[in-house]
Amino acid sequence: MAEEILEPDLQIIDPHHHFWDLRPMVPMFPEPRHRFIETIVPTAYYNFDHLRGDIETGHNVIATVFMECGAFYRADTTDDMKVIGEVEYVNGVAAQSASGLYGNLRACAGIVGHADLMLGDGAGPVLERLQSAAPDRFRGIRYAAAWDADPEVLGVPIQKVEGLYRETAFREGFAHLGKLGLTFDAWIVEPQIPDVIDLARAFPDQPICIDHCGTPLGMASYEGRLEERFDIWRSNILELGKCENVSVKLGGLAMHNCAMPAQGPAAGVGSEELAAMWRPYIETCIEAFGTRRAMFESNYPVDRWGATYPVLWNAFKRITSAASAAEKHDLYSNTAARFYSLDQFLN
């Protein structure tokens, strides 16, 4: 759906996108394979050229942060060190973008990788190797812990195990992030927000970002229950916002898990309709965290399920149309720049 770009000069740091090539893995997915490839992940292949194609549709995206997704792992090393390959690959993309040959965009100016924190103290050497793989750009890790009692909510291979963030081994590994000055991105689904609250209180000095507004659920056994569960979600988000070490990413609501919209991929829903669906969640998160701890994200290409890149950012801009210039600077770029230490982009 083509729309006129709103506020085209507003500077944006997109703090959450992925690269991957899932094509060789398709035979590994359970039937029906299209459930993962065509629904959860609307495209099996997404690289720098694809990202540029999305970004160059009109919004003023000046930089991005890559978010781990299990892509391009090394094949010729031990299991714990395979994750280094993803950071090496993305650092190469960042260097390509930084050459200036592809315009002013600085893609992957920050890189968030993955390490198995369940290794406990054994995670320390992995984190050090990740830092050395991209010393100028590596900022932290994400450890997804999304789990639900209904396996249809996430499905293979997304579903993790219950209570991962509360495990002793996980927390032993987690403690190494602070020693190295690294950030942590948490991806869970809405009923698990209390796990993030508990983690944040146990490590009050560790910068944590909860992804995707805590991932409200609107499919499988949660279908048609968004309104019913809104107050539960809201209460937990407001409680999490009391943890000063936690920030929130405003986005991810176009994922099929959230059913906002319920049809996809790229369902053709306009930014006005999307803004109406997302506004209660976005505004609650801003209420809970303030603009200095909240940042808009694209979550691309996953959110291609419900919105094209230009329409997605138009929807965000509709929601913040009454915000001050300073508040917009925070929400669209400065909060991301502060959280991921991208000081060169602060404005």
Protein backbone atom coordinates (compact mmCIF):
# COMPACT_ATOMS: atom_id res chain seq x y z
CA MET A 1 0.00 0.00 0.00
CA ALA A 2 1.56 3.28 -1.14
CA GLU A 3 1.24 6.21 1.25
CA GLU A 4 2.71 9.69 1.42
CA ILE A 5 5.61 9.64 3.88
CA LEU A 6 4.80 11.55 7.06
CA GLU A 7 7.49 13.78 8.61
CA PRO A 8 10.10 12.69 6.06
CA ASP A 9 12.91 14.68 7.71
CA LEU A 10 12.55 13.10 11.17
CA GLN A 11 15.76 11.20 11.89
CA ILE A 12 15.33 7.52 12.70
CA ILE A 13 17.66 4.89 14.10
CA ASP A 14 16.02 1.53 13.46
CA PRO A 15 17.26 -0.46 16.49
CA HIS A 16 15.93 -3.89 15.55
CA HIS A 17 16.21 -5.71 12.24
CA HIS A 18 17.60 -9.03 11.03
CA PHE A 19 19.53 -10.62 8.18
CA TRP A 20 19.22 -14.30 7.33
CA ASP A 21 19.21 -16.98 4.69
CA LEU A 22 16.77 -19.71 5.69
CA ARG A 23 16.57 -21.34 2.27
CA PRO A 24 18.98 -24.21 3.06
CA MET A 25 17.05 -24.86 6.28
CA VAL A 26 13.56 -25.14 4.80
CA PRO A 27 13.63 -28.98 4.66
CA MET A 28 14.33 -29.00 8.41
CA PHE A 29 11.08 -27.27 9.30
CA PRO A 30 8.09 -29.43 10.21
CA GLU A 31 5.09 -29.56 7.92
CA PRO A 32 3.37 -27.42 6.97
CA ARG A 33 6.59 -25.57 6.23
CA HIS A 34 4.76 -22.49 5.01
CA ARG A 35 3.63 -21.79 8.60
CA PHE A 36 7.15 -20.70 9.50
CA ILE A 37 8.45 -19.34 6.22
CA GLU A 38 5.32 -17.61 4.93
CA THR A 39 3.80 -16.57 8.22
CA ILE A 40 6.22 -16.23 11.08
CA VAL A 41 8.97 -15.19 8.65
CA PRO A 42 7.49 -13.63 5.51
CA THR A 43 10.74 -14.02 3.58
CA ALA A 44 13.34 -16.78 3.70
CA TYR A 45 16.16 -14.51 2.52
CA TYR A 46 16.89 -10.98 3.74
CA ASN A 47 20.21 -9.18 3.30
CA PHE A 48 21.71 -5.69 3.04
CA ASP A 49 20.21 -5.07 -0.39
CA HIS A 50 16.75 -6.00 0.88
CA LEU A 51 17.15 -3.74 3.91
CA ARG A 52 18.25 -0.85 1.72
CA GLY A 53 15.26 -1.44 -0.54
CA ASP A 54 12.94 -1.12 2.45
CA ILE A 55 14.70 1.86 4.02
CA GLU A 56 14.95 3.80 0.77
CA THR A 57 11.17 4.14 0.56
CA GLY A 58 11.11 7.61 2.07
CA HIS A 59 11.69 7.70 5.83
CA ASN A 60 14.92 9.30 7.08
CA VAL A 61 16.63 6.23 8.57
CA ILE A 62 20.20 7.26 9.33
CA ALA A 63 21.44 4.12 11.11
CA THR A 64 20.36 0.67 12.28
CA VAL A 65 21.12 -1.94 14.92
CA PHE A 66 21.28 -5.57 13.83
CA MET A 67 19.52 -8.05 16.10
CA GLU A 68 20.67 -11.67 16.31
CA CYS A 69 18.54 -14.34 14.69
CA GLY A 70 20.72 -17.44 14.51
CA ALA A 71 22.01 -16.65 11.03
CA PHE A 72 25.34 -17.39 9.35
CA TYR A 73 26.77 -19.38 12.25
CA ARG A 74 30.21 -20.88 11.75
CA ALA A 75 30.24 -24.49 10.62
CA ASP A 76 33.80 -25.36 11.58
CA THR A 77 34.05 -24.72 15.31
CA THR A 78 32.66 -25.86 18.65
CA ASP A 79 28.95 -25.40 19.34
CA ASP A 80 29.47 -22.58 21.82
CA MET A 81 31.56 -20.57 19.34
CA LYS A 82 29.38 -21.00 16.25
CA VAL A 83 27.63 -17.73 17.13
CA ILE A 84 30.79 -15.79 16.24
CA GLY A 85 30.00 -16.27 12.55
CA GLU A 86 26.86 -14.15 12.72
CA VAL A 87 28.69 -11.18 14.21
CA GLU A 88 31.56 -11.54 11.71
CA TYR A 89 29.09 -11.54 8.83
CA VAL A 90 27.16 -8.52 10.07
CA ASN A 91 30.34 -6.58 10.80
CA GLY A 92 31.23 -7.04 7.14
CA VAL A 93 27.85 -5.65 6.12
CA ALA A 94 28.39 -2.71 8.47
CA ALA A 95 31.76 -2.02 6.84
CA GLN A 96 30.11 -2.18 3.42
CA SER A 97 27.53 0.38 4.51
CA ALA A 98 30.14 2.57 6.21
CA SER A 99 32.05 2.85 2.93
CA GLY A 100 29.53 5.45 1.79
CA LEU A 101 29.13 3.74 -1.57
CA TYR A 102 25.49 3.05 -0.75
CA GLY A 103 24.49 6.46 0.54
CA ASN A 104 24.38 8.04 3.97
CA LEU A 105 22.73 5.11 5.77
CA ARG A 106 24.96 3.47 8.38
CA ALA A 107 23.45 0.00 8.62
CA CYS A 108 24.44 -2.21 11.55
CA ALA A 109 26.21 0.63 13.34
CA GLY A 110 25.42 -1.46 16.41
CA ILE A 111 25.43 -5.26 16.48
CA VAL A 112 23.60 -7.44 18.99
CA GLY A 113 24.67 -11.07 18.85
CA HIS A 114 23.89 -14.22 20.77
CA ALA A 115 25.72 -16.36 23.32
CA ASP A 116 24.45 -19.36 25.25
CA LEU A 117 24.17 -17.91 28.74
CA MET A 118 23.15 -21.34 30.01
CA LEU A 119 26.87 -22.10 29.86
CA GLY A 120 27.14 -20.17 33.11
CA ASP A 121 30.68 -18.92 33.64
CA GLY A 122 31.55 -20.61 30.35
CA ALA A 123 29.67 -17.82 28.57
CA GLY A 124 32.42 -15.35 29.46
CA PRO A 125 34.94 -16.48 26.83
CA VAL A 126 32.22 -16.54 24.16
CA LEU A 127 31.23 -12.96 24.95
CA GLU A 128 34.87 -11.89 24.76
CA ARG A 129 35.22 -13.51 21.34
CA LEU A 130 32.07 -11.76 20.15
CA GLN A 131 33.52 -8.43 21.22
CA SER A 132 36.77 -9.12 19.41
CA ALA A 133 34.86 -10.07 16.23
CA ALA A 134 33.42 -6.54 15.95
CA PRO A 135 35.20 -4.33 18.48
CA ASP A 136 33.79 -1.07 17.15
CA ARG A 137 30.20 -2.23 16.77
CA PHE A 138 29.35 -5.13 19.09
CA ARG A 139 27.01 -3.88 21.80
CA GLY A 140 25.38 -6.84 23.53
CA ILE A 141 23.40 -10.01 23.16
CA ARG A 142 19.83 -11.11 22.86
CA TYR A 143 18.70 -14.34 24.45
CA ALA A 144 15.16 -15.19 23.39
CA ALA A 145 13.19 -17.06 26.04
CA ALA A 146 9.74 -17.03 24.42
CA TRP A 147 7.63 -19.91 25.75
CA ASP A 148 3.94 -20.60 26.13
CA ALA A 149 1.96 -23.55 27.41
CA ASP A 150 0.20 -23.59 24.03
CA PRO A 151 2.84 -24.85 21.57
CA GLU A 152 0.85 -23.41 18.66
CA VAL A 153 1.66 -19.87 19.81
CA LEU A 154 5.32 -20.14 18.82
CA GLY A 155 5.95 -23.50 17.22
CA VAL A 156 9.20 -25.20 16.30
CA PRO A 157 11.93 -23.91 16.32
CA ILE A 158 10.92 -20.75 18.22
CA GLN A 159 9.54 -22.29 21.43
CA LYS A 160 12.05 -22.31 24.31
CA VAL A 161 11.65 -23.79 27.81
CA GLU A 162 9.60 -22.39 30.66
CA GLY A 163 11.30 -20.03 33.14
CA LEU A 164 14.60 -19.71 31.29
CA TYR A 165 15.47 -16.29 32.74
CA ARG A 166 15.08 -17.67 36.27
CA GLU A 167 17.55 -20.55 35.82
CA THR A 168 20.69 -20.45 37.98
CA ALA A 169 22.99 -21.30 35.07
CA PHE A 170 21.42 -18.58 32.92
CA ARG A 171 21.98 -15.97 35.60
CA GLU A 172 25.59 -17.04 36.07
CA GLY A 173 26.13 -16.39 32.38
CA PHE A 174 24.05 -13.22 32.47
CA ALA A 175 26.31 -11.75 35.15
CA HIS A 176 29.17 -11.61 32.64
CA LEU A 177 27.33 -9.01 30.54
CA GLY A 178 27.83 -6.35 33.17
CA LYS A 179 31.51 -7.19 33.56
CA LEU A 180 32.00 -6.49 29.86
CA GLY A 181 29.70 -3.47 29.61
CA LEU A 182 27.22 -5.22 27.32
CA THR A 183 23.48 -4.71 26.88
CA PHE A 184 20.80 -7.39 26.98
CA ASP A 185 17.73 -7.73 24.74
CA ALA A 186 14.91 -9.88 26.08
CA TRP A 187 12.33 -11.48 23.83
CA ILE A 188 9.46 -13.18 25.60
CA VAL A 189 5.68 -13.30 25.10
CA GLU A 190 3.19 -11.37 27.18
CA PRO A 191 2.51 -13.89 29.99
CA GLN A 192 6.26 -14.01 30.67
CA ILE A 193 6.76 -10.31 31.45
CA PRO A 194 7.05 -11.16 35.19
CA ASP A 195 10.18 -13.19 34.34
CA VAL A 196 11.80 -10.03 32.93
CA ILE A 197 10.72 -8.04 36.01
CA ASP A 198 12.38 -10.62 38.25
CA LEU A 199 15.57 -10.60 36.16
CA ALA A 200 15.75 -6.80 36.12
CA ARG A 201 15.35 -6.60 39.89
CA ALA A 202 18.04 -9.24 40.41
CA PHE A 203 20.49 -7.25 38.22
CA PRO A 204 19.52 -3.58 38.75
CA ASP A 205 22.67 -2.21 37.08
CA GLN A 206 22.36 -4.28 33.89
CA PRO A 207 20.84 -2.42 30.90
CA ILE A 208 17.95 -4.54 29.58
CA CYS A 209 15.61 -3.88 26.68
CA ILE A 210 12.34 -5.77 26.38
CA ASP A 211 11.52 -6.30 22.72
CA HIS A 212 8.23 -5.86 20.90
CA CYS A 213 6.20 -4.24 23.71
CA GLY A 214 6.40 -7.57 25.51
CA THR A 215 4.70 -9.35 22.57
CA PRO A 216 0.94 -9.24 23.21
CA LEU A 217 -0.66 -12.44 21.88
CA GLY A 218 -3.66 -12.72 19.59
CA MET A 219 -3.41 -16.12 17.90
CA ALA A 220 -3.82 -19.84 18.65
CA SER A 221 -5.42 -20.17 22.12
CA TYR A 222 -5.18 -16.36 22.49
CA GLU A 223 -7.19 -15.64 19.36
CA GLY A 224 -9.80 -12.96 20.00
CA ARG A 225 -8.48 -12.31 23.52
CA LEU A 226 -6.39 -9.16 23.05
CA GLU A 227 -8.99 -6.96 24.72
CA GLU A 228 -9.57 -9.51 27.50
CA ARG A 229 -5.85 -9.66 28.34
CA PHE A 230 -4.99 -6.00 27.82
CA ASP A 231 -5.26 -5.04 31.50
CA ILE A 232 -3.01 -7.97 32.50
CA TRP A 233 -0.43 -6.89 29.92
CA ARG A 234 -0.74 -3.23 30.98
CA SER A 235 -0.28 -3.99 34.67
CA ASN A 236 2.87 -5.99 34.01
CA ILE A 237 4.32 -3.36 31.65
CA LEU A 238 3.73 -0.59 34.20
CA GLU A 239 5.46 -2.70 36.86
CA LEU A 240 8.39 -3.43 34.54
CA GLY A 241 8.69 0.27 33.77
CA LYS A 242 9.52 0.89 37.45
CA CYS A 243 12.85 -0.88 36.83
CA GLU A 244 15.09 2.00 35.82
CA ASN A 245 17.53 -0.32 34.07
CA VAL A 246 14.91 -1.49 31.56
CA SER A 247 14.01 0.11 28.22
CA VAL A 248 11.34 -0.97 25.74
CA LYS A 249 11.17 -1.38 21.99
CA LEU A 250 7.97 -0.01 20.51
CA GLY A 251 7.11 -2.35 17.67
CA GLY A 252 6.80 -5.99 16.82
CA LEU A 253 3.03 -5.57 16.87
CA ALA A 254 2.80 -6.42 13.17
CA MET A 255 4.05 -9.96 13.88
CA HIS A 256 1.55 -12.70 13.23
CA ASN A 257 1.72 -13.63 16.95
CA CYS A 258 0.04 -10.36 17.87
CA ALA A 259 -2.73 -10.48 15.23
CA MET A 260 -2.62 -6.72 14.70
CA PRO A 261 -3.54 -7.15 11.84
CA ALA A 262 -4.84 -10.68 11.82
CA GLN A 263 -4.19 -11.17 8.09
CA GLY A 264 -0.85 -11.05 6.32
CA PRO A 265 1.78 -11.03 5.05
CA ALA A 266 1.82 -7.28 4.38
CA ALA A 267 -1.93 -7.36 4.58
CA GLY A 268 -2.42 -4.01 2.90
CA VAL A 269 -3.78 -2.39 6.05
CA GLY A 270 -3.12 1.35 6.05
CA SER A 271 -1.20 3.30 8.67
CA GLU A 272 -4.32 4.92 10.13
CA GLU A 273 -5.87 1.54 10.90
CA LEU A 274 -2.59 0.16 12.23
CA ALA A 275 -2.11 3.21 14.44
CA ALA A 276 -5.56 2.70 15.94
CA MET A 277 -4.76 -0.95 16.76
CA TRP A 278 -1.30 -0.24 18.15
CA ARG A 279 -1.95 3.04 20.00
CA PRO A 280 -3.09 1.52 23.35
CA TYR A 281 0.07 -0.60 23.52
CA ILE A 282 2.50 2.09 22.35
CA GLU A 283 1.05 4.77 24.60
CA THR A 284 1.04 2.46 27.62
CA CYS A 285 4.71 1.64 27.05
CA ILE A 286 5.60 5.32 26.77
CA GLU A 287 3.61 5.98 29.96
CA ALA A 288 5.53 3.22 31.73
CA PHE A 289 9.04 3.94 30.51
CA GLY A 290 8.99 7.56 29.38
CA THR A 291 10.43 8.68 26.07
CA ARG A 292 14.02 8.37 27.31
CA ARG A 293 13.63 4.61 27.76
CA ALA A 294 11.44 3.86 24.73
CA MET A 295 12.48 3.42 21.08
CA PHE A 296 10.55 2.60 17.93
CA GLU A 297 11.72 -0.45 15.96
CA SER A 298 10.86 -2.04 12.63
CA ASN A 299 11.51 -5.69 13.55
CA TYR A 300 12.04 -6.24 9.85
CA PRO A 301 11.53 -8.42 7.97
CA VAL A 302 9.35 -10.24 10.57
CA ASP A 303 6.86 -7.36 10.76
CA ARG A 304 6.45 -7.49 7.00
CA TRP A 305 3.63 -9.87 7.98
CA GLY A 306 1.40 -6.90 8.75
CA ALA A 307 2.98 -3.76 7.31
CA THR A 308 5.32 -2.55 4.62
CA TYR A 309 8.29 -0.57 5.90
CA PRO A 310 6.98 2.90 4.95
CA VAL A 311 3.48 2.18 6.26
CA LEU A 312 4.86 0.83 9.54
CA TRP A 313 6.79 4.03 10.29
CA ASN A 314 3.84 6.15 9.17
CA ALA A 315 1.71 4.35 11.75
CA PHE A 316 4.23 5.16 14.48
CA LYS A 317 4.32 8.80 13.42
CA ARG A 318 0.54 9.02 13.55
CA ILE A 319 0.62 7.77 17.14
CA THR A 320 3.20 10.41 18.14
CA SER A 321 1.77 13.30 16.12
CA ALA A 322 1.14 15.35 19.28
CA ALA A 323 4.56 14.65 20.83
CA SER A 324 7.10 17.45 21.23
CA ALA A 325 10.22 17.65 19.08
CA ALA A 326 12.37 16.52 22.02
CA GLU A 327 10.11 13.54 22.68
CA LYS A 328 10.27 12.53 19.03
CA HIS A 329 14.06 12.77 19.04
CA ASP A 330 14.09 10.31 21.93
CA LEU A 331 11.56 7.87 20.52
CA TYR A 332 12.94 7.74 16.98
CA SER A 333 16.69 8.01 17.51
CA ASN A 334 18.18 9.25 20.78
CA THR A 335 16.99 6.47 23.07
CA ALA A 336 18.41 3.88 20.70
CA ALA A 337 21.65 5.87 20.40
CA ARG A 338 22.02 6.06 24.18
CA PHE A 339 21.11 2.42 24.86
CA TYR A 340 23.43 1.02 22.20
CA SER A 341 26.21 3.62 22.70
CA LEU A 342 25.85 5.15 19.23
CA ASP A 343 26.83 8.61 20.45
CA GLN A 344 27.74 9.83 16.96
CA PHE A 345 24.04 9.80 16.07
CA LEU A 346 22.69 11.73 19.06
CA ASN A 347 20.81 14.88 18.09
